[in-house]
Each structure stands twice: as C-alpha cells, then as structure tokens.
PDB file of N, CA and C in Angstrom:
ATOM      1  N   MET A   1      42.930-116.799  38.943  1.00  0.00           N
ATOM      2  CA  MET A   1      41.994-116.215  39.408  1.00  0.00           C
ATOM      3  C   MET A   1      40.853-115.712  38.462  1.00  0.00           C
ATOM      4  N   LYS A   2      39.340-115.830  38.836  1.00  0.00           N
ATOM      5  CA  LYS A   2      38.351-115.334  37.701  1.00  0.00           C
ATOM      6  C   LYS A   2      37.945-113.880  38.681  1.00  0.00           C
ATOM      7  N   GLY A   3      37.812-112.969  37.478  1.00  0.00           N
ATOM      8  CA  GLY A   3      36.985-111.698  37.956  1.00  0.00           C
ATOM      9  C   GLY A   3      36.359-111.028  36.838  1.00  0.00           C
ATOM     10  N   SER A   4      36.884-109.747  36.797  1.00  0.00           N
ATOM     11  CA  SER A   4      36.156-109.101  36.065  1.00  0.00           C
ATOM     12  C   SER A   4      37.267-107.931  35.446  1.00  0.00           C
ATOM     13  N   GLN A   5      37.341-107.399  33.929  1.00  0.00           N
ATOM     14  CA  GLN A   5      38.272-106.438  33.616  1.00  0.00           C
ATOM     15  C   GLN A   5      37.453-105.111  33.402  1.00  0.00           C
ATOM     16  N   LEU A   6      37.533-104.146  34.165  1.00  0.00           N
ATOM     17  CA  LEU A   6      36.697-102.895  33.882  1.00  0.00           C
ATOM     18  C   LEU A   6      37.602-101.914  33.205  1.00  0.00           C
ATOM     19  N   THR A   7      37.064-101.351  32.382  1.00  0.00           N
ATOM     20  CA  THR A   7      37.686 -99.915  31.533  1.00  0.00           C
ATOM     21  C   THR A   7      36.800 -98.712  32.017  1.00  0.00           C
ATOM     22  N   VAL A   8      37.239 -97.931  32.324  1.00  0.00           N
ATOM     23  CA  VAL A   8      36.492 -96.701  32.135  1.00  0.00           C
ATOM     24  C   VAL A   8      37.154 -95.464  31.563  1.00  0.00           C
ATOM     25  N   TYR A   9      36.338 -95.042  30.612  1.00  0.00           N
ATOM     26  CA  TYR A   9      36.814 -94.281  29.362  1.00  0.00           C
ATOM     27  C   TYR A   9      36.342 -92.544  29.918  1.00  0.00           C
ATOM     28  N   ALA A  10      37.440 -91.630  30.036  1.00  0.00           N
ATOM     29  CA  ALA A  10      36.916 -90.307  30.109  1.00  0.00           C
ATOM     30  C   ALA A  10      37.241 -89.527  28.679  1.00  0.00           C
ATOM     31  N   ASP A  11      36.016 -88.812  28.168  1.00  0.00           N
ATOM     32  CA  ASP A  11      36.177 -87.900  26.816  1.00  0.00           C
ATOM     33  C   ASP A  11      37.555 -87.176  27.035  1.00  0.00           C
ATOM     34  N   SER A  12      38.039 -86.580  28.061  1.00  0.00           N
ATOM     35  CA  SER A  12      39.096 -85.260  27.876  1.00  0.00           C
ATOM     36  C   SER A  12      39.760 -85.704  29.342  1.00  0.00           C
ATOM     37  N   ARG A  13      40.931 -85.373  29.581  1.00  0.00           N
ATOM     38  CA  ARG A  13      41.876 -84.943  30.783  1.00  0.00           C
ATOM     39  C   ARG A  13      41.426 -83.609  31.271  1.00  0.00           C
ATOM     40  N   SER A  14      41.037 -82.797  30.955  1.00  0.00           N
ATOM     41  CA  SER A  14      40.601 -81.777  31.579  1.00  0.00           C
ATOM     42  C   SER A  14      39.653 -81.634  32.255  1.00  0.00           C
ATOM     43  N   VAL A  15      38.733 -82.954  32.455  1.00  0.00           N
ATOM     44  CA  VAL A  15      37.557 -82.690  33.514  1.00  0.00           C
ATOM     45  C   VAL A  15      37.993 -83.235  34.493  1.00  0.00           C
ATOM     46  N   ARG A  16      37.618 -82.151  35.417  1.00  0.00           N
ATOM     47  CA  ARG A  16      38.040 -82.139  36.937  1.00  0.00           C
ATOM     48  C   ARG A  16      36.930 -82.764  37.991  1.00  0.00           C
ATOM     49  N   THR A  17      37.433 -83.213  38.949  1.00  0.00           N
ATOM     50  CA  THR A  17      36.342 -83.131  40.395  1.00  0.00           C
ATOM     51  C   THR A  17      37.285 -83.462  41.803  1.00  0.00           C
ATOM     52  N   ASN A  18      36.879 -82.923  42.520  1.00  0.00           N
ATOM     53  CA  ASN A  18      37.448 -82.982  44.162  1.00  0.00           C
ATOM     54  C   ASN A  18      39.136 -82.457  43.610  1.00  0.00           C
ATOM     55  N   ARG A  19      38.948 -81.059  42.784  1.00  0.00           N
ATOM     56  CA  ARG A  19      40.190 -80.839  42.415  1.00  0.00           C
ATOM     57  C   ARG A  19      41.559 -81.477  41.926  1.00  0.00           C
ATOM     58  N   MET A  20      40.913 -82.642  41.347  1.00  0.00           N
ATOM     59  CA  MET A  20      42.018 -83.725  40.722  1.00  0.00           C
ATOM     60  C   MET A  20      41.704 -83.750  39.292  1.00  0.00           C
ATOM     61  N   THR A  21      42.313 -84.148  38.208  1.00  0.00           N
ATOM     62  CA  THR A  21      41.688 -84.344  36.942  1.00  0.00           C
ATOM     63  C   THR A  21      41.012 -85.970  37.199  1.00  0.00           C
ATOM     64  N   ILE A  22      40.282 -86.098  36.111  1.00  0.00           N
ATOM     65  CA  ILE A  22      39.328 -87.313  36.186  1.00  0.00           C
ATOM     66  C   ILE A  22      40.057 -88.396  36.428  1.00  0.00           C
ATOM     67  N   VAL A  23      41.849 -88.503  35.689  1.00  0.00           N
ATOM     68  CA  VAL A  23      42.129 -89.779  35.810  1.00  0.00           C
ATOM     69  C   VAL A  23      42.839 -90.141  37.498  1.00  0.00           C
ATOM     70  N   GLN A  24      43.320 -88.778  37.897  1.00  0.00           N
ATOM     71  CA  GLN A  24      43.774 -88.882  39.306  1.00  0.00           C
ATOM     72  C   GLN A  24      42.692 -89.255  40.438  1.00  0.00           C
ATOM     73  N   TRP A  25      41.379 -89.110  39.994  1.00  0.00           N
ATOM     74  CA  TRP A  25      40.327 -89.161  40.657  1.00  0.00           C
ATOM     75  C   TRP A  25      40.306 -90.722  40.909  1.00  0.00           C
ATOM     76  N   VAL A  26      39.937 -91.253  39.445  1.00  0.00           N
ATOM     77  CA  VAL A  26      39.617 -92.723  39.177  1.00  0.00           C
ATOM     78  C   VAL A  26      40.824 -93.445  39.592  1.00  0.00           C
ATOM     79  N   LEU A  27      41.817 -93.260  39.555  1.00  0.00           N
ATOM     80  CA  LEU A  27      42.930 -94.046  40.077  1.00  0.00           C
ATOM     81  C   LEU A  27      42.823 -93.841  41.751  1.00  0.00           C
ATOM     82  N   ASP A  28      42.251 -92.822  42.390  1.00  0.00           N
ATOM     83  CA  ASP A  28      42.031 -92.922  43.769  1.00  0.00           C
ATOM     84  C   ASP A  28      41.307 -93.775  44.058  1.00  0.00           C
ATOM     85  N   GLU A  29      40.139 -93.657  43.436  1.00  0.00           N
ATOM     86  CA  GLU A  29      38.949 -94.652  43.929  1.00  0.00           C
ATOM     87  C   GLU A  29      39.081 -96.233  43.736  1.00  0.00           C
ATOM     88  N   ILE A  30      40.579 -96.429  42.499  1.00  0.00           N
ATOM     89  CA  ILE A  30      40.709 -97.753  42.326  1.00  0.00           C
ATOM     90  C   ILE A  30      41.565 -98.257  43.623  1.00  0.00           C
ATOM     91  N   THR A  31      42.289 -97.482  44.041  1.00  0.00           N
ATOM     92  CA  THR A  31      43.253 -97.647  45.028  1.00  0.00           C
ATOM     93  C   THR A  31      42.195 -97.880  46.452  1.00  0.00           C
ATOM     94  N   LYS A  32      41.201 -96.891  46.776  1.00  0.00           N
ATOM     95  CA  LYS A  32      40.044 -96.788  47.756  1.00  0.00           C
ATOM     96  C   LYS A  32      39.465 -98.442  47.807  1.00  0.00           C
ATOM     97  N   ALA A  33      38.909 -98.902  46.802  1.00  0.00           N
ATOM     98  CA  ALA A  33      38.260-100.026  46.370  1.00  0.00           C
ATOM     99  C   ALA A  33      39.359-101.157  46.662  1.00  0.00           C
ATOM    100  N   GLY A  34      40.252-101.106  46.825  1.00  0.00           N
ATOM    101  CA  GLY A  34      41.598-102.161  47.206  1.00  0.00           C
ATOM    102  C   GLY A  34      41.824-103.162  45.977  1.00  0.00           C
ATOM    103  N   ILE A  35      42.096-102.184  45.097  1.00  0.00           N
ATOM    104  CA  ILE A  35      42.646-102.807  43.786  1.00  0.00           C
ATOM    105  C   ILE A  35      44.107-102.536  43.729  1.00  0.00           C
ATOM    106  N   HIS A  36      45.056-102.956  43.772  1.00  0.00           N
ATOM    107  CA  HIS A  36      46.432-102.861  43.120  1.00  0.00           C
ATOM    108  C   HIS A  36      46.906-103.107  41.742  1.00  0.00           C
ATOM    109  N   GLY A  37      46.822-102.056  41.124  1.00  0.00           N
ATOM    110  CA  GLY A  37      47.316-102.084  39.635  1.00  0.00           C
ATOM    111  C   GLY A  37      46.313-102.000  38.800  1.00  0.00           C
ATOM    112  N   ALA A  38      46.692-100.779  37.765  1.00  0.00           N
ATOM    113  CA  ALA A  38      45.713 -99.998  36.820  1.00  0.00           C
ATOM    114  C   ALA A  38      46.571 -99.580  35.953  1.00  0.00           C
ATOM    115  N   THR A  39      46.058 -99.778  34.649  1.00  0.00           N
ATOM    116  CA  THR A  39      46.765 -98.960  33.653  1.00  0.00           C
ATOM    117  C   THR A  39      46.043 -97.942  32.797  1.00  0.00           C
ATOM    118  N   VAL A  40      46.298 -96.924  32.615  1.00  0.00           N
ATOM    119  CA  VAL A  40      45.885 -95.610  31.927  1.00  0.00           C
ATOM    120  C   VAL A  40      46.317 -95.855  30.453  1.00  0.00           C
ATOM    121  N   ILE A  41      45.571 -95.753  29.801  1.00  0.00           N
ATOM    122  CA  ILE A  41      45.616 -95.701  28.251  1.00  0.00           C
ATOM    123  C   ILE A  41      45.306 -94.424  27.675  1.00  0.00           C
ATOM    124  N   GLU A  42      46.329 -93.496  27.475  1.00  0.00           N
ATOM    125  CA  GLU A  42      46.074 -92.229  26.514  1.00  0.00           C
ATOM    126  C   GLU A  42      45.590 -92.382  24.830  1.00  0.00           C
ATOM    127  N   ALA A  43      44.471 -92.365  24.477  1.00  0.00           N
ATOM    128  CA  ALA A  43      44.029 -92.325  23.186  1.00  0.00           C
ATOM    129  C   ALA A  43      44.350 -91.042  22.151  1.00  0.00           C
ATOM    130  N   SER A  44      44.402 -91.066  20.978  1.00  0.00           N
ATOM    131  CA  SER A  44      44.804 -90.022  20.332  1.00  0.00           C
ATOM    132  C   SER A  44      43.862 -89.113  19.661  1.00  0.00           C
ATOM    133  N   GLU A  45      42.575 -89.920  19.858  1.00  0.00           N
ATOM    134  CA  GLU A  45      41.252 -89.396  19.098  1.00  0.00           C
ATOM    135  C   GLU A  45      40.157 -90.282  19.563  1.00  0.00           C
ATOM    136  N   SER A  46      38.951 -89.753  19.958  1.00  0.00           N
ATOM    137  CA  SER A  46      37.814 -90.386  20.269  1.00  0.00           C
ATOM    138  C   SER A  46      36.558 -89.293  19.557  1.00  0.00           C
ATOM    139  N   ILE A  47      35.436 -90.108  20.087  1.00  0.00           N
ATOM    140  CA  ILE A  47      34.233 -89.541  19.359  1.00  0.00           C
ATOM    141  C   ILE A  47      33.106 -89.631  20.824  1.00  0.00           C
ATOM    142  N   ASP A  48      32.893 -88.914  21.687  1.00  0.00           N
ATOM    143  CA  ASP A  48      31.958 -89.030  22.332  1.00  0.00           C
ATOM    144  C   ASP A  48      30.626 -89.519  22.622  1.00  0.00           C
ATOM    145  N   ARG A  49      29.941 -89.576  23.612  1.00  0.00           N
ATOM    146  CA  ARG A  49      28.625 -90.148  23.249  1.00  0.00           C
ATOM    147  C   ARG A  49      27.479 -89.350  22.652  1.00  0.00           C
ATOM    148  N   HIS A  50      27.940 -87.833  22.828  1.00  0.00           N
ATOM    149  CA  HIS A  50      26.932 -87.194  21.846  1.00  0.00           C
ATOM    150  C   HIS A  50      27.926 -86.544  20.510  1.00  0.00           C
ATOM    151  N   GLY A  51      28.492 -87.386  20.211  1.00  0.00           N
ATOM    152  CA  GLY A  51      28.806 -87.149  18.661  1.00  0.00           C
ATOM    153  C   GLY A  51      30.303 -86.253  18.779  1.00  0.00           C
ATOM    154  N   ARG A  52      30.590 -85.717  19.788  1.00  0.00           N
ATOM    155  CA  ARG A  52      31.799 -84.382  19.863  1.00  0.00           C
ATOM    156  C   ARG A  52      33.253 -85.305  19.760  1.00  0.00           C
ATOM    157  N   TYR A  53      33.718 -84.726  18.772  1.00  0.00           N
ATOM    158  CA  TYR A  53      35.434 -85.408  18.524  1.00  0.00           C
ATOM    159  C   TYR A  53      36.464 -84.291  19.590  1.00  0.00           C
ATOM    160  N   HIS A  54      37.221 -85.570  19.900  1.00  0.00           N
ATOM    161  CA  HIS A  54      38.557 -85.389  21.029  1.00  0.00           C
ATOM    162  C   HIS A  54      39.284 -85.649  20.763  1.00  0.00           C
ATOM    163  N   ALA A  55      40.479 -84.964  20.662  1.00  0.00           N
ATOM    164  CA  ALA A  55      41.675 -85.115  20.457  1.00  0.00           C
ATOM    165  C   ALA A  55      42.984 -84.595  20.915  1.00  0.00           C
ATOM    166  N   GLY A  56      44.084 -85.267  21.248  1.00  0.00           N
ATOM    167  CA  GLY A  56      45.140 -84.666  21.802  1.00  0.00           C
ATOM    168  C   GLY A  56      45.782 -83.919  20.999  1.00  0.00           C
ATOM    169  N   ARG A  57      46.432 -82.880  21.073  1.00  0.00           N
ATOM    170  CA  ARG A  57      47.490 -82.411  20.022  1.00  0.00           C
ATOM    171  C   ARG A  57      48.488 -81.889  20.768  1.00  0.00           C
ATOM    172  N   PHE A  58      49.422 -81.546  19.616  1.00  0.00           N
ATOM    173  CA  PHE A  58      51.262 -81.637  20.124  1.00  0.00           C
ATOM    174  C   PHE A  58      51.054 -80.392  21.088  1.00  0.00           C
ATOM    175  N   PHE A  59      50.738 -79.338  21.426  1.00  0.00           N
ATOM    176  CA  PHE A  59      50.619 -78.409  22.005  1.00  0.00           C
ATOM    177  C   PHE A  59      49.388 -78.431  22.990  1.00  0.00           C
ATOM    178  N   GLU A  60      48.537 -79.425  22.591  1.00  0.00           N
ATOM    179  CA  GLU A  60      47.114 -79.117  23.909  1.00  0.00           C
ATOM    180  C   GLU A  60      46.726 -80.376  24.107  1.00  0.00           C
ATOM    181  N   LEU A  61      47.090 -81.278  25.246  1.00  0.00           N
ATOM    182  CA  LEU A  61      46.543 -82.421  25.344  1.00  0.00           C
ATOM    183  C   LEU A  61      45.670 -82.468  26.431  1.00  0.00           C
ATOM    184  N   VAL A  62      44.915 -81.247  27.073  1.00  0.00           N
ATOM    185  CA  VAL A  62      43.890 -81.397  28.129  1.00  0.00           C
ATOM    186  C   VAL A  62      42.537 -82.020  27.273  1.00  0.00           C
ATOM    187  N   ASP A  63      42.288 -81.769  25.839  1.00  0.00           N
ATOM    188  CA  ASP A  63      41.353 -82.790  25.166  1.00  0.00           C
ATOM    189  C   ASP A  63      41.615 -84.189  24.848  1.00  0.00           C
ATOM    190  N   GLN A  64      42.714 -84.717  25.761  1.00  0.00           N
ATOM    191  CA  GLN A  64      43.303 -85.868  25.002  1.00  0.00           C
ATOM    192  C   GLN A  64      42.183 -87.180  25.648  1.00  0.00           C
ATOM    193  N   PRO A  65      41.545 -87.999  24.949  1.00  0.00           N
ATOM    194  CA  PRO A  65      40.758 -89.144  25.622  1.00  0.00           C
ATOM    195  C   PRO A  65      41.616 -90.051  25.974  1.00  0.00           C
ATOM    196  N   VAL A  66      41.128 -90.563  27.306  1.00  0.00           N
ATOM    197  CA  VAL A  66      41.881 -91.414  28.220  1.00  0.00           C
ATOM    198  C   VAL A  66      40.838 -92.935  28.508  1.00  0.00           C
ATOM    199  N   ALA A  67      41.719 -93.717  29.132  1.00  0.00           N
ATOM    200  CA  ALA A  67      40.814 -94.846  29.610  1.00  0.00           C
ATOM    201  C   ALA A  67      41.778 -95.968  30.532  1.00  0.00           C
ATOM    202  N   VAL A  68      40.795 -96.129  31.835  1.00  0.00           N
ATOM    203  CA  VAL A  68      41.485 -96.519  32.916  1.00  0.00           C
ATOM    204  C   VAL A  68      41.408 -98.145  33.037  1.00  0.00           C
ATOM    205  N   THR A  69      41.884 -99.000  32.961  1.00  0.00           N
ATOM    206  CA  THR A  69      41.760-100.403  32.752  1.00  0.00           C
ATOM    207  C   THR A  69      42.365-101.080  34.458  1.00  0.00           C
ATOM    208  N   VAL A  70      41.545-101.650  34.700  1.00  0.00           N
ATOM    209  CA  VAL A  70      41.732-102.766  35.969  1.00  0.00           C
ATOM    210  C   VAL A  70      41.368-104.090  35.711  1.00  0.00           C
ATOM    211  N   ALA A  71      41.968-105.401  36.461  1.00  0.00           N
ATOM    212  CA  ALA A  71      41.074-106.467  36.845  1.00  0.00           C
ATOM    213  C   ALA A  71      41.363-106.852  38.199  1.00  0.00           C
ATOM    214  N   ALA A  72      40.302-107.298  38.485  1.00  0.00           N
ATOM    215  CA  ALA A  72      40.280-107.906  39.941  1.00  0.00           C
ATOM    216  C   ALA A  72      39.212-108.818  40.269  1.00  0.00           C
ATOM    217  N   ASP A  73      39.014-109.239  41.121  1.00  0.00           N
ATOM    218  CA  ASP A  73      38.020-110.251  41.760  1.00  0.00           C
ATOM    219  C   ASP A  73      36.442-109.413  41.461  1.00  0.00           C
ATOM    220  N   ALA A  74      35.495-110.068  41.321  1.00  0.00           N
ATOM    221  CA  ALA A  74      34.084-109.383  41.117  1.00  0.00           C
ATOM    222  C   ALA A  74      33.734-108.545  42.287  1.00  0.00           C
ATOM    223  N   THR A  75      34.023-108.605  43.641  1.00  0.00           N
ATOM    224  CA  THR A  75      33.753-108.163  44.543  1.00  0.00           C
ATOM    225  C   THR A  75      34.343-106.517  44.570  1.00  0.00           C
ATOM    226  N   ARG A  76      35.757-106.755  44.325  1.00  0.00           N
ATOM    227  CA  ARG A  76      36.279-105.251  44.286  1.00  0.00           C
ATOM    228  C   ARG A  76      35.712-104.407  42.926  1.00  0.00           C
ATOM    229  N   ILE A  77      35.847-105.135  41.780  1.00  0.00           N
ATOM    230  CA  ILE A  77      35.176-104.193  40.976  1.00  0.00           C
ATOM    231  C   ILE A  77      33.478-104.008  41.043  1.00  0.00           C
ATOM    232  N   ASP A  78      32.987-104.368  41.589  1.00  0.00           N
ATOM    233  CA  ASP A  78      31.636-103.900  42.236  1.00  0.00           C
ATOM    234  C   ASP A  78      31.666-102.847  43.183  1.00  0.00           C
ATOM    235  N   THR A  79      32.677-102.675  44.293  1.00  0.00           N
ATOM    236  CA  THR A  79      32.734-101.651  45.333  1.00  0.00           C
ATOM    237  C   THR A  79      33.308-100.705  44.485  1.00  0.00           C
ATOM    238  N   LEU A  80      34.398-100.687  43.429  1.00  0.00           N
ATOM    239  CA  LEU A  80      35.016 -99.683  42.695  1.00  0.00           C
ATOM    240  C   LEU A  80      33.657 -98.781  41.645  1.00  0.00           C
ATOM    241  N   LEU A  81      32.964 -99.849  41.077  1.00  0.00           N
ATOM    242  CA  LEU A  81      31.856 -99.276  40.497  1.00  0.00           C
ATOM    243  C   LEU A  81      30.701 -98.346  41.278  1.00  0.00           C
ATOM    244  N   GLU A  82      30.768 -98.848  42.418  1.00  0.00           N
ATOM    245  CA  GLU A  82      29.635 -98.113  43.342  1.00  0.00           C
ATOM    246  C   GLU A  82      30.383 -96.643  43.999  1.00  0.00           C
ATOM    247  N   ARG A  83      31.768 -96.767  44.051  1.00  0.00           N
ATOM    248  CA  ARG A  83      32.513 -95.109  44.401  1.00  0.00           C
ATOM    249  C   ARG A  83      32.168 -94.400  43.391  1.00  0.00           C
ATOM    250  N   LEU A  84      32.673 -94.943  42.182  1.00  0.00           N
ATOM    251  CA  LEU A  84      32.359 -94.343  41.029  1.00  0.00           C
ATOM    252  C   LEU A  84      31.144 -93.636  40.468  1.00  0.00           C
ATOM    253  N   ARG A  85      30.129 -94.518  41.158  1.00  0.00           N
ATOM    254  CA  ARG A  85      28.762 -94.005  40.727  1.00  0.00           C
ATOM    255  C   ARG A  85      28.360 -92.764  41.892  1.00  0.00           C
ATOM    256  N   GLN A  86      28.718 -92.950  42.863  1.00  0.00           N
ATOM    257  CA  GLN A  86      28.784 -91.956  44.005  1.00  0.00           C
ATOM    258  C   GLN A  86      29.373 -90.655  43.429  1.00  0.00           C
ATOM    259  N   GLY A  87      30.328 -90.524  42.534  1.00  0.00           N
ATOM    260  CA  GLY A  87      31.248 -89.471  42.359  1.00  0.00           C
ATOM    261  C   GLY A  87      30.350 -88.387  41.297  1.00  0.00           C
ATOM    262  N   ASP A  88      30.577 -87.285  41.018  1.00  0.00           N
ATOM    263  CA  ASP A  88      29.770 -86.149  40.351  1.00  0.00           C
ATOM    264  C   ASP A  88      30.236 -86.189  39.053  1.00  0.00           C
ATOM    265  N   VAL A  89      30.728 -87.258  38.276  1.00  0.00           N
ATOM    266  CA  VAL A  89      31.274 -87.382  37.003  1.00  0.00           C
ATOM    267  C   VAL A  89      30.643 -88.456  36.032  1.00  0.00           C
ATOM    268  N   THR A  90      30.298 -88.067  34.703  1.00  0.00           N
ATOM    269  CA  THR A  90      29.576 -88.783  33.967  1.00  0.00           C
ATOM    270  C   THR A  90      30.731 -89.966  33.067  1.00  0.00           C
ATOM    271  N   LEU A  91      30.707 -90.841  33.375  1.00  0.00           N
ATOM    272  CA  LEU A  91      31.887 -91.941  32.729  1.00  0.00           C
ATOM    273  C   LEU A  91      31.271 -92.949  32.138  1.00  0.00           C
ATOM    274  N   PHE A  92      31.778 -93.594  31.118  1.00  0.00           N
ATOM    275  CA  PHE A  92      31.152 -94.755  30.329  1.00  0.00           C
ATOM    276  C   PHE A  92      32.417 -95.799  30.835  1.00  0.00           C
ATOM    277  N   TYR A  93      31.669 -96.624  30.893  1.00  0.00           N
ATOM    278  CA  TYR A  93      32.670 -98.065  31.363  1.00  0.00           C
ATOM    279  C   TYR A  93      32.245 -99.275  30.591  1.00  0.00           C
ATOM    280  N   THR A  94      33.174-100.345  30.365  1.00  0.00           N
ATOM    281  CA  THR A  94      32.831-101.573  29.908  1.00  0.00           C
ATOM    282  C   THR A  94      33.478-102.574  31.207  1.00  0.00           C
ATOM    283  N   ARG A  95      32.849-103.649  31.341  1.00  0.00           N
ATOM    284  CA  ARG A  95      32.967-104.738  31.990  1.00  0.00           C
ATOM    285  C   ARG A  95      32.796-106.006  31.524  1.00  0.00           C
ATOM    286  N   CYS A  96      33.962-106.910  31.332  1.00  0.00           N
ATOM    287  CA  CYS A  96      33.975-108.259  30.875  1.00  0.00           C
ATOM    288  C   CYS A  96      34.362-109.315  31.488  1.00  0.00           C
ATOM    289  N   PRO A  97      33.978-110.343  31.644  1.00  0.00           N
ATOM    290  CA  PRO A  97      34.800-111.590  32.665  1.00  0.00           C
ATOM    291  C   PRO A  97      35.950-111.718  32.178  1.00  0.00           C
ATOM    292  N   VAL A  98      37.284-112.180  33.335  1.00  0.00           N
ATOM    293  CA  VAL A  98      38.136-112.264  32.750  1.00  0.00           C
ATOM    294  C   VAL A  98      38.746-113.595  33.923  1.00  0.00           C
ATOM    295  N   GLU A  99      39.839-114.186  33.606  1.00  0.00           N
ATOM    296  CA  GLU A  99      40.979-114.860  34.047  1.00  0.00           C
ATOM    297  C   GLU A  99      42.031-114.375  34.200  1.00  0.00           C
ATOM    298  N   PHE A 100      42.620-113.893  35.200  1.00  0.00           N
ATOM    299  CA  PHE A 100      43.831-113.506  35.402  1.00  0.00           C
ATOM    300  C   PHE A 100      44.991-113.902  36.698  1.00  0.00           C
ATOM    301  N   ALA A 101      46.041-113.881  36.327  1.00  0.00           N
ATOM    302  CA  ALA A 101      47.050-114.398  37.578  1.00  0.00           C
ATOM    303  C   ALA A 101      48.230-113.505  37.056  1.00  0.00           C
ATOM    304  N   LEU A 102      49.623-113.879  37.861  1.00  0.00           N
ATOM    305  CA  LEU A 102      50.859-113.579  37.521  1.00  0.00           C
ATOM    306  C   LEU A 102      51.625-114.734  37.257  1.00  0.00           C
ATOM    307  N   LEU A 103      52.625-114.462  36.507  1.00  0.00           N
ATOM    308  CA  LEU A 103      53.593-115.084  35.530  1.00  0.00           C
ATOM    309  C   LEU A 103      54.940-114.487  35.925  1.00  0.00           C
ATOM    310  N   GLY A 104      55.944-115.274  36.300  1.00  0.00           N
ATOM    311  CA  GLY A 104      57.177-115.240  36.332  1.00  0.00           C
ATOM    312  C   GLY A 104      57.734-115.588  37.750  1.00  0.00           C
ATOM    313  N   ALA A 105      58.771-114.946  38.233  1.00  0.00           N
ATOM    314  CA  ALA A 105      59.251-115.240  39.409  1.00  0.00           C
ATOM    315  C   ALA A 105      58.293-114.715  40.743  1.00  0.00           C
ATOM    316  N   ASP A 106      58.124-113.446  40.760  1.00  0.00           N
ATOM    317  CA  ASP A 106      57.228-113.043  41.565  1.00  0.00           C
ATOM    318  C   ASP A 106      55.554-113.882  41.746  1.00  0.00           C
ATOM    319  N   ALA A 107      55.359-114.599  40.966  1.00  0.00           N
ATOM    320  CA  ALA A 107      53.958-115.624  41.000  1.00  0.00           C
ATOM    321  C   ALA A 107      54.338-116.325  41.892  1.00  0.00           C
ATOM    322  N   ALA A 108      55.401-116.779  42.323  1.00  0.00           N
ATOM    323  CA  ALA A 108      55.667-118.142  43.372  1.00  0.00           C
ATOM    324  C   ALA A 108      55.386-117.338  44.709  1.00  0.00           C
ATOM    325  N   GLN A 109      55.764-116.128  44.902  1.00  0.00           N
ATOM    326  CA  GLN A 109      56.015-115.321  46.335  1.00  0.00           C
ATOM    327  C   GLN A 109      54.815-114.378  46.186  1.00  0.00           C
ATOM    328  N   PRO A 110      53.848-114.360  46.709  1.00  0.00           N
ATOM    329  CA  PRO A 110      53.124-113.269  46.665  1.00  0.00           C
ATOM    330  C   PRO A 110      53.458-112.076  47.951  1.00  0.00           C
ATOM    331  N   ASN A 111      53.244-111.072  47.113  1.00  0.00           N
ATOM    332  CA  ASN A 111      53.880-109.648  47.791  1.00  0.00           C
ATOM    333  C   ASN A 111      52.826-108.599  48.139  1.00  0.00           C
ATOM    334  N   GLU A 112      52.981-107.972  48.696  1.00  0.00           N
ATOM    335  CA  GLU A 112      52.064-107.028  49.102  1.00  0.00           C
ATOM    336  C   GLU A 112      51.332-106.322  48.084  1.00  0.00           C
ATOM    337  N   SER A 113      51.770-106.477  46.708  1.00  0.00           N
ATOM    338  CA  SER A 113      50.972-106.043  45.482  1.00  0.00           C
ATOM    339  C   SER A 113      49.782-106.972  45.112  1.00  0.00           C
ATOM    340  N   THR A 114      50.385-108.119  45.611  1.00  0.00           N
ATOM    341  CA  THR A 114      49.579-109.157  44.840  1.00  0.00           C
ATOM    342  C   THR A 114      48.313-110.274  45.682  1.00  0.00           C
ATOM    343  N   LYS A 115      48.553-109.548  47.244  1.00  0.00           N
ATOM    344  CA  LYS A 115      47.802-110.452  48.324  1.00  0.00           C
ATOM    345  C   LYS A 115      46.587-110.331  48.093  1.00  0.00           C
ATOM    346  N   HIS A 116      46.097-109.295  47.902  1.00  0.00           N
ATOM    347  CA  HIS A 116      44.524-109.003  47.868  1.00  0.00           C
ATOM    348  C   HIS A 116      44.011-109.701  46.718  1.00  0.00           C
ATOM    349  N   ARG A 117      44.451-109.975  45.892  1.00  0.00           N
ATOM    350  CA  ARG A 117      43.722-110.658  44.480  1.00  0.00           C
ATOM    351  C   ARG A 117      43.229-111.912  44.606  1.00  0.00           C
TER     352      ARG A 117
END
C-alpha cells in the first residue's frame, strides 16, 4: 500500500493535555483517526525549536524527548493531523510518502489489526 509516514515529536514527556501525557494523548488521537499501530521512540537528548536542551536522566525522565511514528493511507494521516491541530499542544511533525505492507504468516490472512490499512 502507499500512504504516508507521520512522526510527531514532543520535547518532553512532562507535557500534559486533557489529564494525559502528550504520548498518551497522541496515541489516543491515532486510535480515534482509525490507525492501528504506532511506535513510540524515546530519545536520550534533543534540542527544541527554541534552542533549549532536553534530556532524560536516570532519576528524572519527565524531560525525556519522544517521537511517535505511524504509517497509514493518506486519508487517515490527514484525519490524524486535523485531530492533532485541534488539540491545545504545540507539536513538530514530519510527513513522508511511504510504501508499506505486512510480511510473514499474518500477511496472507488480514485480521482486525490490518483490515483498515
């Protein structure tokens, strides 16, 4: 299938919206947009758009930068972006065209998690 890969970057895990961490909120919006599957990548360090340094430390992980990546058809990515725009959180994202598919035994038999792709 052809579609888009969207990666949403958050400067810190400590950002909260609607009583959720930013990661929980983004994952919830991904599900509401009809996308099944996302990867959360925890970075050790980053510099935000204001030039501020963020890092996850052994005793203090709330300032740990994170990225959430999904791949889906363009319509679902458009829906997700619109949902994220309606939130009251400033996020940076990248969007790239991709080709994606399942490999292995499950690829021949679509199941609940792959039907909507």
